[in-house]
C-alpha atoms as a PDB file:
ATOM      1  CA  MET A   1      93.037 113.297 129.891  1.00  0.00           C
ATOM      2  CA  HIS A   2      94.207 116.864 129.200  1.00  0.00           C
ATOM      3  CA  ARG A   3      91.537 117.294 126.532  1.00  0.00           C
ATOM      4  CA  SER A   4      88.775 116.361 128.980  1.00  0.00           C
ATOM      5  CA  LEU A   5      90.218 118.619 131.663  1.00  0.00           C
ATOM      6  CA  ALA A   6      90.477 121.512 129.206  1.00  0.00           C
ATOM      7  CA  GLN A   7      86.828 121.088 128.244  1.00  0.00           C
ATOM      8  CA  GLN A   8      85.714 120.797 131.866  1.00  0.00           C
ATOM      9  CA  TYR A   9      87.648 123.894 132.935  1.00  0.00           C
ATOM     10  CA  SER A  10      86.237 125.720 129.924  1.00  0.00           C
ATOM     11  CA  PHE A  11      82.679 124.912 131.015  1.00  0.00           C
ATOM     12  CA  GLN A  12      83.518 126.193 134.505  1.00  0.00           C
ATOM     13  CA  ASP A  13      84.966 129.454 133.124  1.00  0.00           C
ATOM     14  CA  GLU A  14      88.370 128.611 134.597  1.00  0.00           C
ATOM     15  CA  HIS A  15      90.137 129.981 131.567  1.00  0.00           C
ATOM     16  CA  CYS A  16      93.793 129.720 132.629  1.00  0.00           C
ATOM     17  CA  ASP A  17      93.424 126.059 133.618  1.00  0.00           C
ATOM     18  CA  ALA A  18      91.558 125.355 130.374  1.00  0.00           C
ATOM     19  CA  ILE A  19      94.345 126.993 128.372  1.00  0.00           C
ATOM     20  CA  GLY A  20      97.055 125.010 130.133  1.00  0.00           C
ATOM     21  CA  HIS A  21      95.378 121.657 129.598  1.00  0.00           C
ATOM     22  CA  ALA A  22      94.383 122.412 125.994  1.00  0.00           C
ATOM     23  CA  GLU A  23      97.969 123.374 125.153  1.00  0.00           C
ATOM     24  CA  LYS A  24      99.290 120.203 126.816  1.00  0.00           C
ATOM     25  CA  ALA A  25      96.768 118.022 124.996  1.00  0.00           C
ATOM     26  CA  MET A  26      97.690 119.510 121.622  1.00  0.00           C
ATOM     27  CA  HIS A  27     101.402 119.212 122.396  1.00  0.00           C
ATOM     28  CA  LEU A  28     101.013 115.519 123.255  1.00  0.00           C
ATOM     29  CA  ASN A  29      98.875 114.762 120.184  1.00  0.00           C
ATOM     30  CA  ASP A  30      99.808 116.765 117.107  1.00  0.00           C
ATOM     31  CA  THR A  31      96.657 115.646 115.274  1.00  0.00           C
ATOM     32  CA  LEU A  32      94.350 116.990 117.989  1.00  0.00           C
ATOM     33  CA  ASP A  33      92.811 120.361 117.188  1.00  0.00           C
ATOM     34  CA  LEU A  34      91.536 122.202 120.244  1.00  0.00           C
ATOM     35  CA  SER A  35      92.244 125.569 118.638  1.00  0.00           C
ATOM     36  CA  LEU A  36      88.623 126.718 118.836  1.00  0.00           C
ATOM     37  CA  LEU A  37      88.417 125.973 122.554  1.00  0.00           C
ATOM     38  CA  LEU A  38      91.853 127.487 123.082  1.00  0.00           C
ATOM     39  CA  ALA A  39      91.009 130.650 121.141  1.00  0.00           C
ATOM     40  CA  GLN A  40      87.761 131.062 123.090  1.00  0.00           C
ATOM     41  CA  GLN A  41      89.718 130.862 126.330  1.00  0.00           C
ATOM     42  CA  TYR A  42      92.351 133.342 125.113  1.00  0.00           C
ATOM     43  CA  LYS A  43      89.555 135.723 124.157  1.00  0.00           C
ATOM     44  CA  ALA A  44      88.008 135.340 127.607  1.00  0.00           C
ATOM     45  CA  VAL A  45      91.285 136.431 129.251  1.00  0.00           C
ATOM     46  CA  GLU A  46      91.605 139.282 126.734  1.00  0.00           C
ATOM     47  CA  GLU A  47      94.491 137.764 124.759  1.00  0.00           C
ATOM     48  CA  VAL A  48      92.809 138.697 121.491  1.00  0.00           C
ATOM     49  CA  GLU A  49      95.886 138.517 119.271  1.00  0.00           C
ATOM     50  CA  LEU A  50      96.837 135.109 120.647  1.00  0.00           C
ATOM     51  CA  ALA A  51      93.269 133.898 120.042  1.00  0.00           C
ATOM     52  CA  ARG A  52      93.402 135.122 116.456  1.00  0.00           C
ATOM     53  CA  LYS A  53      96.821 133.574 115.783  1.00  0.00           C
ATOM     54  CA  THR A  54      95.711 130.243 117.245  1.00  0.00           C
ATOM     55  CA  LEU A  55      92.734 130.088 114.908  1.00  0.00           C
ATOM     56  CA  ILE A  56      94.777 131.112 111.874  1.00  0.00           C
ATOM     57  CA  GLN A  57      97.452 128.475 112.566  1.00  0.00           C
ATOM     58  CA  HIS A  58      94.801 125.758 112.735  1.00  0.00           C
ATOM     59  CA  LEU A  59      92.545 126.812 109.876  1.00  0.00           C
ATOM     60  CA  ASP A  60      92.328 123.877 107.483  1.00  0.00           C
ATOM     61  CA  SER A  61      90.170 123.414 104.419  1.00  0.00           C
ATOM     62  CA  THR A  62      89.650 119.739 105.293  1.00  0.00           C
ATOM     63  CA  GLU A  63      87.855 120.468 108.575  1.00  0.00           C
ATOM     64  CA  GLU A  64      84.140 119.890 109.037  1.00  0.00           C
ATOM     65  CA  ALA A  65      81.877 122.773 108.107  1.00  0.00           C
ATOM     66  CA  TRP A  66      80.601 123.237 111.663  1.00  0.00           C
ATOM     67  CA  SER A  67      84.096 123.736 113.047  1.00  0.00           C
ATOM     68  CA  LEU A  68      85.059 126.079 110.213  1.00  0.00           C
ATOM     69  CA  ASN A  69      81.889 128.093 110.703  1.00  0.00           C
ATOM     70  CA  GLN A  70      82.581 128.416 114.446  1.00  0.00           C
ATOM     71  CA  LYS A  71      86.166 129.475 113.797  1.00  0.00           C
ATOM     72  CA  GLY A  72      85.004 131.994 111.199  1.00  0.00           C
ATOM     73  CA  SER A  73      82.454 133.469 113.582  1.00  0.00           C
ATOM     74  CA  LEU A  74      85.067 133.807 116.314  1.00  0.00           C
ATOM     75  CA  LEU A  75      87.517 135.394 113.869  1.00  0.00           C
ATOM     76  CA  LEU A  76      84.797 137.878 112.980  1.00  0.00           C
ATOM     77  CA  GLU A  77      84.365 138.685 116.682  1.00  0.00           C
ATOM     78  CA  LEU A  78      88.148 139.160 116.847  1.00  0.00           C
ATOM     79  CA  ASN A  79      87.962 141.726 114.017  1.00  0.00           C
ATOM     80  CA  ASP A  80      89.637 139.546 111.400  1.00  0.00           C
ATOM     81  CA  ALA A  81      87.015 139.574 108.665  1.00  0.00           C
ATOM     82  CA  LYS A  82      89.451 138.529 105.923  1.00  0.00           C
ATOM     83  CA  THR A  83      90.419 135.285 107.623  1.00  0.00           C
ATOM     84  CA  ALA A  84      86.801 134.741 108.673  1.00  0.00           C
ATOM     85  CA  ILE A  85      85.838 134.802 105.001  1.00  0.00           C
ATOM     86  CA  GLN A  86      88.483 132.167 104.301  1.00  0.00           C
ATOM     87  CA  ALA A  87      86.999 129.928 107.014  1.00  0.00           C
ATOM     88  CA  PHE A  88      83.459 130.446 105.683  1.00  0.00           C
ATOM     89  CA  CYS A  89      84.594 129.667 102.134  1.00  0.00           C
ATOM     90  CA  TYR A  90      86.210 126.445 103.328  1.00  0.00           C
ATOM     91  CA  ALA A  91      82.926 125.607 105.095  1.00  0.00           C
ATOM     92  CA  GLN A  92      80.955 126.251 101.907  1.00  0.00           C
ATOM     93  CA  LYS A  93      83.067 123.690 100.083  1.00  0.00           C
ATOM     94  CA  ASP A  94      82.059 121.101 102.677  1.00  0.00           C
ATOM     95  CA  THR A  95      78.362 121.929 102.621  1.00  0.00           C
ATOM     96  CA  ALA A  96      76.052 124.410 100.945  1.00  0.00           C
ATOM     97  CA  ALA A  97      74.248 125.267 104.189  1.00  0.00           C
ATOM     98  CA  TRP A  98      72.644 128.707 104.149  1.00  0.00           C
ATOM     99  CA  GLY A  99      74.296 129.738 107.433  1.00  0.00           C
ATOM    100  CA  HIS A 100      77.760 129.703 105.918  1.00  0.00           C
ATOM    101  CA  TYR A 101      76.643 132.046 103.134  1.00  0.00           C
ATOM    102  CA  LEU A 102      74.992 134.363 105.636  1.00  0.00           C
ATOM    103  CA  ASN A 103      78.156 134.479 107.750  1.00  0.00           C
ATOM    104  CA  THR A 104      80.292 135.160 104.697  1.00  0.00           C
ATOM    105  CA  GLY A 105      77.963 138.060 103.913  1.00  0.00           C
ATOM    106  CA  LYS A 106      78.433 139.457 107.427  1.00  0.00           C
ATOM    107  CA  ALA A 107      82.211 139.231 107.110  1.00  0.00           C
ATOM    108  CA  LEU A 108      82.150 140.986 103.731  1.00  0.00           C
ATOM    109  CA  GLN A 109      80.072 143.768 105.283  1.00  0.00           C
ATOM    110  CA  GLU A 110      82.796 144.199 107.913  1.00  0.00           C
ATOM    111  CA  LEU A 111      85.238 144.785 105.057  1.00  0.00           C
ATOM    112  CA  GLY A 112      82.891 147.324 103.464  1.00  0.00           C
ATOM    113  CA  LYS A 113      82.133 145.091 100.467  1.00  0.00           C
ATOM    114  CA  TYR A 114      78.398 145.671 100.635  1.00  0.00           C
ATOM    115  CA  ASP A 115      77.413 144.603  97.103  1.00  0.00           C
ATOM    116  CA  GLU A 116      79.295 141.333  97.394  1.00  0.00           C
ATOM    117  CA  ALA A 117      77.880 140.796 100.888  1.00  0.00           C
ATOM    118  CA  ARG A 118      74.360 141.325  99.612  1.00  0.00           C
ATOM    119  CA  SER A 119      74.748 138.579  97.000  1.00  0.00           C
ATOM    120  CA  TYR A 120      75.856 136.088  99.678  1.00  0.00           C
ATOM    121  CA  GLU A 121      73.018 137.119 101.978  1.00  0.00           C
ATOM    122  CA  ASP A 122      70.454 136.934  99.173  1.00  0.00           C
ATOM    123  CA  TYR A 123      71.644 133.441  98.302  1.00  0.00           C
ATOM    124  CA  ALA A 124      71.401 132.445 101.985  1.00  0.00           C
ATOM    125  CA  HIS A 125      67.795 133.643 102.135  1.00  0.00           C
ATOM    126  CA  VAL A 126      66.911 131.686  98.988  1.00  0.00           C
ATOM    127  CA  GLN A 127      68.496 128.561 100.476  1.00  0.00           C
ATOM    128  CA  LEU A 128      66.679 129.086 103.761  1.00  0.00           C
ATOM    129  CA  ARG A 129      63.297 129.443 102.013  1.00  0.00           C
ATOM    130  CA  HIS A 130      64.049 126.265 100.073  1.00  0.00           C
ATOM    131  CA  CYS A 131      64.903 124.375 103.300  1.00  0.00           C
ATOM    132  CA  VAL A 132      61.757 125.575 105.044  1.00  0.00           C
ATOM    133  CA  SER A 133      59.534 124.535 102.118  1.00  0.00           C
ATOM    134  CA  CYS A 134      60.980 120.975 102.038  1.00  0.00           C
END
């Protein structure tokens, strides 16, 4: 119930209600991960550090690539490029999708590692061309 309410309040931009229900849902079910939704809501109410900590606490290499990619992108928005790279690397282990390589390249650029970023971005472009030609 709390999960559904958290999602509904999130869609309605009622951030405080979404946060409350997401926290309750996760408290009642310790295997439920609503950290992405929760972090998005914290960011919306300008609790940037809390958003970042929530994502870091729930970053797991066994998650699906989509979730890891979303968490990495949000971490990048929250100015945590190092942890974003960790999320993107976890995602790459799950799938070799070009988007994960491109996002890793963006995060490396944020850290000023331009040569390393370029190699990830080049690989992403090669993968994308391969996907388009199939």
